[in-house]
N, C-alpha and C. Protein backbone atom coordinates (compact mmCIF):
# COMPACT_ATOMS: atom_id res chain seq x y z
N UNK A 1 120.39 83.41 87.92
CA UNK A 1 119.14 82.67 88.09
C UNK A 1 118.69 82.78 89.55
N UNK A 2 117.41 82.90 89.75
CA UNK A 2 116.84 83.03 91.08
C UNK A 2 116.90 81.68 91.79
N UNK A 3 117.59 81.62 92.93
CA UNK A 3 117.70 80.36 93.67
C UNK A 3 116.67 80.25 94.78
N UNK A 4 115.90 81.31 95.01
CA UNK A 4 114.86 81.28 96.03
C UNK A 4 113.54 80.91 95.36
N UNK A 5 112.94 79.83 95.83
CA UNK A 5 111.67 79.39 95.27
C UNK A 5 110.55 80.29 95.79
N UNK A 6 109.56 80.57 94.96
CA UNK A 6 108.43 81.40 95.41
C UNK A 6 107.79 80.89 96.69
N UNK A 7 107.61 79.59 96.84
CA UNK A 7 106.97 79.05 98.04
C UNK A 7 107.79 79.38 99.29
N UNK A 8 109.12 79.29 99.18
CA UNK A 8 109.97 79.59 100.34
C UNK A 8 109.88 81.06 100.72
N UNK A 9 109.86 81.93 99.73
CA UNK A 9 109.78 83.36 99.98
C UNK A 9 108.42 83.74 100.57
N UNK A 10 107.35 83.13 100.08
CA UNK A 10 106.02 83.42 100.61
C UNK A 10 105.90 83.00 102.08
N UNK A 11 106.40 81.82 102.39
CA UNK A 11 106.35 81.34 103.78
C UNK A 11 107.23 82.22 104.66
N UNK A 12 108.39 82.62 104.15
CA UNK A 12 109.26 83.51 104.91
C UNK A 12 108.55 84.84 105.21
N UNK A 13 107.80 85.36 104.25
CA UNK A 13 107.06 86.61 104.46
C UNK A 13 106.09 86.45 105.63
N UNK A 14 105.31 85.38 105.63
CA UNK A 14 104.34 85.15 106.71
C UNK A 14 105.05 84.96 108.04
N UNK A 15 106.15 84.21 108.04
CA UNK A 15 106.89 83.99 109.28
C UNK A 15 107.43 85.30 109.84
N UNK A 16 107.97 86.15 108.98
CA UNK A 16 108.50 87.44 109.43
C UNK A 16 107.37 88.32 109.98
N UNK A 17 106.23 88.30 109.32
CA UNK A 17 105.08 89.07 109.80
C UNK A 17 104.65 88.56 111.18
N UNK A 18 104.56 87.26 111.32
CA UNK A 18 104.16 86.68 112.61
C UNK A 18 105.15 87.01 113.73
N UNK A 19 106.43 87.15 113.39
CA UNK A 19 107.46 87.49 114.38
C UNK A 19 107.60 89.00 114.59
N UNK A 20 106.89 89.78 113.77
CA UNK A 20 106.98 91.25 113.80
C UNK A 20 108.39 91.71 113.39
N UNK A 21 108.98 91.00 112.47
CA UNK A 21 110.29 91.34 111.93
C UNK A 21 110.08 92.28 110.74
N UNK A 22 109.73 93.52 111.05
CA UNK A 22 109.39 94.47 110.00
C UNK A 22 110.60 94.88 109.17
N UNK A 23 111.77 94.97 109.78
CA UNK A 23 112.97 95.28 109.01
C UNK A 23 113.27 94.14 108.02
N UNK A 24 113.06 92.90 108.47
CA UNK A 24 113.24 91.75 107.59
C UNK A 24 112.22 91.73 106.46
N UNK A 25 111.00 92.13 106.75
CA UNK A 25 109.98 92.22 105.70
C UNK A 25 110.39 93.22 104.63
N UNK A 26 110.87 94.37 105.04
CA UNK A 26 111.30 95.39 104.08
C UNK A 26 112.38 94.82 103.15
N UNK A 27 113.29 94.02 103.70
CA UNK A 27 114.38 93.46 102.90
C UNK A 27 113.91 92.49 101.83
N UNK A 28 112.73 91.88 102.00
CA UNK A 28 112.25 90.94 100.98
C UNK A 28 111.11 91.51 100.15
N UNK A 29 110.80 92.80 100.34
CA UNK A 29 109.78 93.47 99.52
C UNK A 29 110.43 94.11 98.30
N UNK A 30 109.79 93.95 97.16
CA UNK A 30 110.25 94.61 95.94
C UNK A 30 110.01 96.11 96.06
N UNK A 31 110.78 96.93 95.34
CA UNK A 31 110.58 98.38 95.40
C UNK A 31 109.15 98.81 95.05
N UNK A 32 108.47 98.03 94.20
CA UNK A 32 107.10 98.33 93.80
C UNK A 32 106.08 97.52 94.59
N UNK A 33 106.44 97.09 95.79
CA UNK A 33 105.59 96.23 96.62
C UNK A 33 104.21 96.84 96.83
N UNK A 34 103.20 95.95 96.81
CA UNK A 34 101.81 96.36 97.08
C UNK A 34 101.24 95.45 98.15
N UNK A 35 100.58 96.06 99.13
CA UNK A 35 99.93 95.34 100.22
C UNK A 35 98.42 95.49 100.06
N UNK A 36 97.71 94.36 100.09
CA UNK A 36 96.26 94.37 100.02
C UNK A 36 95.67 93.82 101.29
N UNK A 37 95.56 94.65 102.33
CA UNK A 37 95.10 94.15 103.63
C UNK A 37 93.60 93.90 103.72
N UNK A 38 92.83 94.45 102.81
CA UNK A 38 91.39 94.28 102.88
C UNK A 38 90.75 94.44 101.53
N UNK A 39 89.46 94.31 101.48
CA UNK A 39 88.71 94.42 100.23
C UNK A 39 88.92 95.80 99.63
N UNK A 40 89.33 95.82 98.38
CA UNK A 40 89.52 97.07 97.62
C UNK A 40 90.48 98.05 98.29
N UNK A 41 91.36 97.57 99.14
CA UNK A 41 92.34 98.43 99.78
C UNK A 41 93.73 98.01 99.31
N UNK A 42 94.47 98.96 98.73
CA UNK A 42 95.82 98.70 98.28
C UNK A 42 96.74 99.77 98.86
N UNK A 43 97.85 99.32 99.39
CA UNK A 43 98.86 100.23 99.91
C UNK A 43 100.11 100.02 99.05
N UNK A 44 100.59 101.08 98.43
CA UNK A 44 101.75 101.00 97.54
C UNK A 44 103.03 101.39 98.26
N UNK A 45 104.07 100.58 98.04
CA UNK A 45 105.39 100.91 98.55
C UNK A 45 105.76 100.15 99.80
N UNK A 46 107.02 99.75 99.91
CA UNK A 46 107.48 99.03 101.10
C UNK A 46 107.35 99.83 102.40
N UNK A 47 107.75 101.09 102.38
CA UNK A 47 107.71 101.88 103.61
C UNK A 47 106.27 102.10 104.08
N UNK A 48 105.38 102.40 103.14
CA UNK A 48 103.97 102.60 103.49
C UNK A 48 103.35 101.30 103.99
N UNK A 49 103.74 100.19 103.37
CA UNK A 49 103.21 98.88 103.78
C UNK A 49 103.73 98.50 105.16
N UNK A 50 105.01 98.79 105.42
CA UNK A 50 105.57 98.53 106.74
C UNK A 50 104.81 99.32 107.79
N UNK A 51 104.56 100.58 107.51
CA UNK A 51 103.82 101.43 108.45
C UNK A 51 102.43 100.86 108.72
N UNK A 52 101.75 100.40 107.67
CA UNK A 52 100.41 99.82 107.83
C UNK A 52 100.47 98.54 108.66
N UNK A 53 101.46 97.69 108.41
CA UNK A 53 101.58 96.44 109.16
C UNK A 53 101.93 96.68 110.62
N UNK A 54 102.79 97.65 110.87
CA UNK A 54 103.12 98.01 112.26
C UNK A 54 101.87 98.51 112.97
N UNK A 55 101.11 99.35 112.30
CA UNK A 55 99.87 99.87 112.89
C UNK A 55 98.87 98.77 113.19
N UNK A 56 98.70 97.85 112.23
CA UNK A 56 97.74 96.76 112.41
C UNK A 56 98.15 95.86 113.57
N UNK A 57 99.43 95.47 113.58
CA UNK A 57 99.86 94.55 114.64
C UNK A 57 99.99 95.24 115.99
N UNK A 58 100.08 96.55 115.99
CA UNK A 58 100.03 97.28 117.27
C UNK A 58 98.60 97.27 117.82
N UNK A 59 97.63 97.41 116.92
CA UNK A 59 96.22 97.38 117.33
C UNK A 59 95.81 95.96 117.72
N UNK A 60 96.38 94.95 117.07
CA UNK A 60 96.05 93.54 117.31
C UNK A 60 97.35 92.79 117.63
N UNK A 61 97.91 92.97 118.82
CA UNK A 61 99.24 92.42 119.13
C UNK A 61 99.31 90.89 119.11
N UNK A 62 98.19 90.20 119.22
CA UNK A 62 98.20 88.74 119.20
C UNK A 62 97.96 88.17 117.81
N UNK A 63 97.85 89.02 116.79
CA UNK A 63 97.57 88.59 115.42
C UNK A 63 98.64 87.62 114.92
N UNK A 64 98.18 86.50 114.36
CA UNK A 64 99.06 85.50 113.74
C UNK A 64 98.34 84.90 112.54
N UNK A 65 99.12 84.55 111.51
CA UNK A 65 98.60 83.83 110.35
C UNK A 65 99.05 82.38 110.49
N UNK A 66 98.13 81.46 110.27
CA UNK A 66 98.39 80.03 110.34
C UNK A 66 98.09 79.43 108.97
N UNK A 67 99.09 78.90 108.30
CA UNK A 67 98.94 78.35 106.95
C UNK A 67 98.70 76.85 107.03
N UNK A 68 97.71 76.36 106.26
CA UNK A 68 97.44 74.93 106.25
C UNK A 68 97.68 74.28 104.89
N UNK A 69 97.48 75.01 103.81
CA UNK A 69 97.70 74.49 102.45
C UNK A 69 98.38 75.56 101.62
N UNK A 70 99.15 75.11 100.64
CA UNK A 70 99.85 76.03 99.76
C UNK A 70 99.67 75.58 98.31
N UNK A 71 99.38 76.56 97.45
CA UNK A 71 99.28 76.34 96.01
C UNK A 71 100.29 77.26 95.33
N UNK A 72 100.90 76.77 94.26
CA UNK A 72 101.85 77.58 93.50
C UNK A 72 101.45 77.57 92.03
N UNK A 73 101.33 78.77 91.48
CA UNK A 73 101.08 78.92 90.05
C UNK A 73 102.09 79.95 89.53
N UNK A 74 103.17 79.45 88.94
CA UNK A 74 104.22 80.34 88.45
C UNK A 74 104.88 81.08 89.60
N UNK A 75 104.86 82.40 89.53
CA UNK A 75 105.46 83.23 90.57
C UNK A 75 104.45 83.69 91.62
N UNK A 76 103.29 83.06 91.65
CA UNK A 76 102.26 83.40 92.63
C UNK A 76 102.05 82.22 93.58
N UNK A 77 102.02 82.54 94.87
CA UNK A 77 101.79 81.51 95.89
C UNK A 77 100.49 81.87 96.61
N UNK A 78 99.57 80.93 96.63
CA UNK A 78 98.30 81.12 97.32
C UNK A 78 98.32 80.21 98.54
N UNK A 79 98.24 80.83 99.71
CA UNK A 79 98.27 80.09 100.96
C UNK A 79 96.88 80.09 101.58
N UNK A 80 96.41 78.92 101.90
CA UNK A 80 95.12 78.77 102.57
C UNK A 80 95.43 78.71 104.06
N UNK A 81 94.73 79.51 104.82
CA UNK A 81 95.02 79.51 106.24
C UNK A 81 93.95 80.19 107.05
N UNK A 82 94.35 80.52 108.24
CA UNK A 82 93.46 81.16 109.19
C UNK A 82 94.27 82.19 109.95
N UNK A 83 93.58 83.09 110.61
CA UNK A 83 94.29 84.02 111.48
C UNK A 83 93.66 83.97 112.86
N UNK A 84 94.48 84.31 113.83
CA UNK A 84 93.99 84.46 115.19
C UNK A 84 94.49 85.80 115.71
N UNK A 85 93.78 86.30 116.71
CA UNK A 85 94.20 87.54 117.34
C UNK A 85 93.84 88.79 116.59
N UNK A 86 92.93 88.68 115.60
CA UNK A 86 92.60 89.86 114.80
C UNK A 86 91.17 90.35 115.01
N UNK A 87 90.46 89.74 115.93
CA UNK A 87 89.08 90.16 116.18
C UNK A 87 88.88 90.39 117.68
N UNK A 88 88.35 91.52 117.99
CA UNK A 88 88.10 91.85 119.39
C UNK A 88 86.93 91.02 119.91
N UNK A 89 87.10 90.48 121.08
CA UNK A 89 86.05 89.74 121.78
C UNK A 89 85.55 88.51 121.03
N UNK A 90 86.39 87.93 120.16
CA UNK A 90 86.04 86.68 119.49
C UNK A 90 87.03 85.62 119.97
N UNK A 91 86.54 84.56 120.58
CA UNK A 91 87.45 83.52 121.05
C UNK A 91 88.25 82.93 119.88
N UNK A 92 89.51 82.62 120.14
CA UNK A 92 90.36 82.08 119.07
C UNK A 92 89.77 80.82 118.46
N UNK A 93 89.12 80.01 119.27
CA UNK A 93 88.50 78.80 118.76
C UNK A 93 87.42 79.08 117.73
N UNK A 94 86.77 80.22 117.83
CA UNK A 94 85.78 80.62 116.83
C UNK A 94 86.46 81.27 115.63
N UNK A 95 87.43 82.15 115.92
CA UNK A 95 88.10 82.90 114.86
C UNK A 95 88.86 81.98 113.90
N UNK A 96 89.45 80.92 114.42
CA UNK A 96 90.29 80.06 113.59
C UNK A 96 89.46 79.18 112.65
N UNK A 97 88.17 79.15 112.79
CA UNK A 97 87.32 78.37 111.90
C UNK A 97 87.17 79.01 110.53
N UNK A 98 87.47 80.31 110.42
CA UNK A 98 87.28 81.04 109.16
C UNK A 98 88.52 80.90 108.28
N UNK A 99 88.38 80.14 107.18
CA UNK A 99 89.50 79.99 106.24
C UNK A 99 89.64 81.24 105.40
N UNK A 100 90.88 81.62 105.15
CA UNK A 100 91.21 82.80 104.37
C UNK A 100 92.26 82.42 103.33
N UNK A 101 92.41 83.29 102.35
CA UNK A 101 93.47 83.10 101.35
C UNK A 101 94.47 84.24 101.50
N UNK A 102 95.73 83.90 101.41
CA UNK A 102 96.81 84.88 101.44
C UNK A 102 97.60 84.69 100.15
N UNK A 103 97.69 85.74 99.36
CA UNK A 103 98.29 85.65 98.03
C UNK A 103 99.60 86.44 98.03
N UNK A 104 100.68 85.77 97.66
CA UNK A 104 101.99 86.42 97.56
C UNK A 104 102.48 86.30 96.12
N UNK A 105 102.80 87.43 95.51
CA UNK A 105 103.35 87.43 94.16
C UNK A 105 104.82 87.78 94.25
N UNK A 106 105.60 87.10 93.43
CA UNK A 106 107.05 87.27 93.47
C UNK A 106 107.55 88.01 92.24
N UNK A 107 108.65 88.70 92.46
CA UNK A 107 109.37 89.35 91.37
C UNK A 107 110.84 89.04 91.61
N UNK A 108 111.32 88.01 90.94
CA UNK A 108 112.68 87.55 91.21
C UNK A 108 112.76 86.99 92.62
N UNK A 109 113.70 87.50 93.40
CA UNK A 109 113.90 87.02 94.77
C UNK A 109 113.21 87.91 95.79
N UNK A 110 112.19 88.68 95.35
CA UNK A 110 111.48 89.59 96.25
C UNK A 110 109.98 89.40 96.12
N UNK A 111 109.27 89.78 97.17
CA UNK A 111 107.81 89.74 97.15
C UNK A 111 107.31 91.07 96.59
N UNK A 112 106.51 91.00 95.53
CA UNK A 112 105.99 92.23 94.93
C UNK A 112 104.58 92.57 95.40
N UNK A 113 103.89 91.57 95.95
CA UNK A 113 102.52 91.81 96.43
C UNK A 113 102.17 90.78 97.49
N UNK A 114 101.46 91.25 98.51
CA UNK A 114 100.91 90.33 99.51
C UNK A 114 99.51 90.84 99.82
N UNK A 115 98.53 89.97 99.62
CA UNK A 115 97.16 90.40 99.91
C UNK A 115 96.39 89.28 100.59
N UNK A 116 95.35 89.71 101.23
CA UNK A 116 94.50 88.85 102.04
C UNK A 116 93.11 88.83 101.41
N UNK A 117 92.57 87.64 101.24
CA UNK A 117 91.19 87.48 100.76
C UNK A 117 90.41 86.86 101.91
N UNK A 118 89.41 87.59 102.38
CA UNK A 118 88.73 87.24 103.63
C UNK A 118 88.01 85.90 103.60
N UNK A 119 87.59 85.45 102.45
CA UNK A 119 86.85 84.19 102.40
C UNK A 119 87.46 83.25 101.37
N UNK A 120 87.68 82.03 101.77
CA UNK A 120 88.18 80.99 100.89
C UNK A 120 86.99 80.37 100.17
N UNK A 121 86.71 80.84 98.97
CA UNK A 121 85.58 80.33 98.19
C UNK A 121 86.08 79.68 96.90
N UNK A 122 85.25 78.85 96.31
CA UNK A 122 85.60 78.24 95.03
C UNK A 122 85.80 79.32 93.97
N UNK A 123 84.98 80.36 93.99
CA UNK A 123 85.11 81.46 93.02
C UNK A 123 86.46 82.16 93.17
N UNK A 124 86.88 82.41 94.41
CA UNK A 124 88.17 83.06 94.65
C UNK A 124 89.30 82.16 94.17
N UNK A 125 89.21 80.88 94.47
CA UNK A 125 90.26 79.95 94.02
C UNK A 125 90.32 79.87 92.50
N UNK A 126 89.16 79.84 91.89
CA UNK A 126 89.10 79.78 90.42
C UNK A 126 89.72 81.03 89.81
N UNK A 127 89.40 82.18 90.37
CA UNK A 127 89.96 83.44 89.87
C UNK A 127 91.49 83.47 90.00
N UNK A 128 92.01 82.84 91.06
CA UNK A 128 93.45 82.80 91.29
C UNK A 128 94.13 81.67 90.51
N UNK A 129 93.34 80.80 89.90
CA UNK A 129 93.89 79.71 89.11
C UNK A 129 94.46 78.57 89.93
N UNK A 130 93.89 78.36 91.13
CA UNK A 130 94.39 77.26 91.96
C UNK A 130 93.37 76.14 92.05
N UNK A 131 93.87 74.94 92.16
CA UNK A 131 93.03 73.75 92.25
C UNK A 131 93.91 72.58 92.67
N UNK A 132 93.40 71.38 92.54
CA UNK A 132 94.14 70.20 92.98
C UNK A 132 95.54 70.07 92.34
N UNK A 133 95.68 70.51 91.09
CA UNK A 133 96.97 70.37 90.39
C UNK A 133 98.02 71.40 90.83
N UNK A 134 97.61 72.46 91.52
CA UNK A 134 98.57 73.48 91.95
C UNK A 134 98.93 73.33 93.42
N UNK A 135 98.27 72.43 94.11
CA UNK A 135 98.51 72.23 95.55
C UNK A 135 99.84 71.53 95.77
N UNK A 136 100.68 72.09 96.64
CA UNK A 136 101.97 71.49 96.94
C UNK A 136 102.00 70.85 98.31
N UNK A 137 100.99 71.08 99.12
CA UNK A 137 100.89 70.43 100.42
C UNK A 137 100.01 69.21 100.28
N UNK A 138 100.15 68.29 101.24
CA UNK A 138 99.36 67.07 101.18
C UNK A 138 98.35 67.00 102.30
């Protein structure tokens, strides 16, 4: 039986990304891992995803994800948050105002998908099946 809860694994993924622990990220990615860094962009495979994340964080060395709310629906964790350090010439105080969704899907004790949705909208939340009853944060 899987003793790692999806919420714990999703938060661990974000923490490892924020620390630039790419070897640790690889260890918690499923062999069929998919990364969705942008609209209609999918990167297949742990090694390819690691390479993409290294490239992104090299271009934006101050990039961080800040999570404020978490929803869980089965093996999917939807984190509401913000990012900083990902926009050139945009003050962090302005950048952090933009809420985003980060979706992590689990496969047993591994993350099978991590994607970013640029805008936190009611339509996006509805499509993901999250609402007041799936929220685990207060």
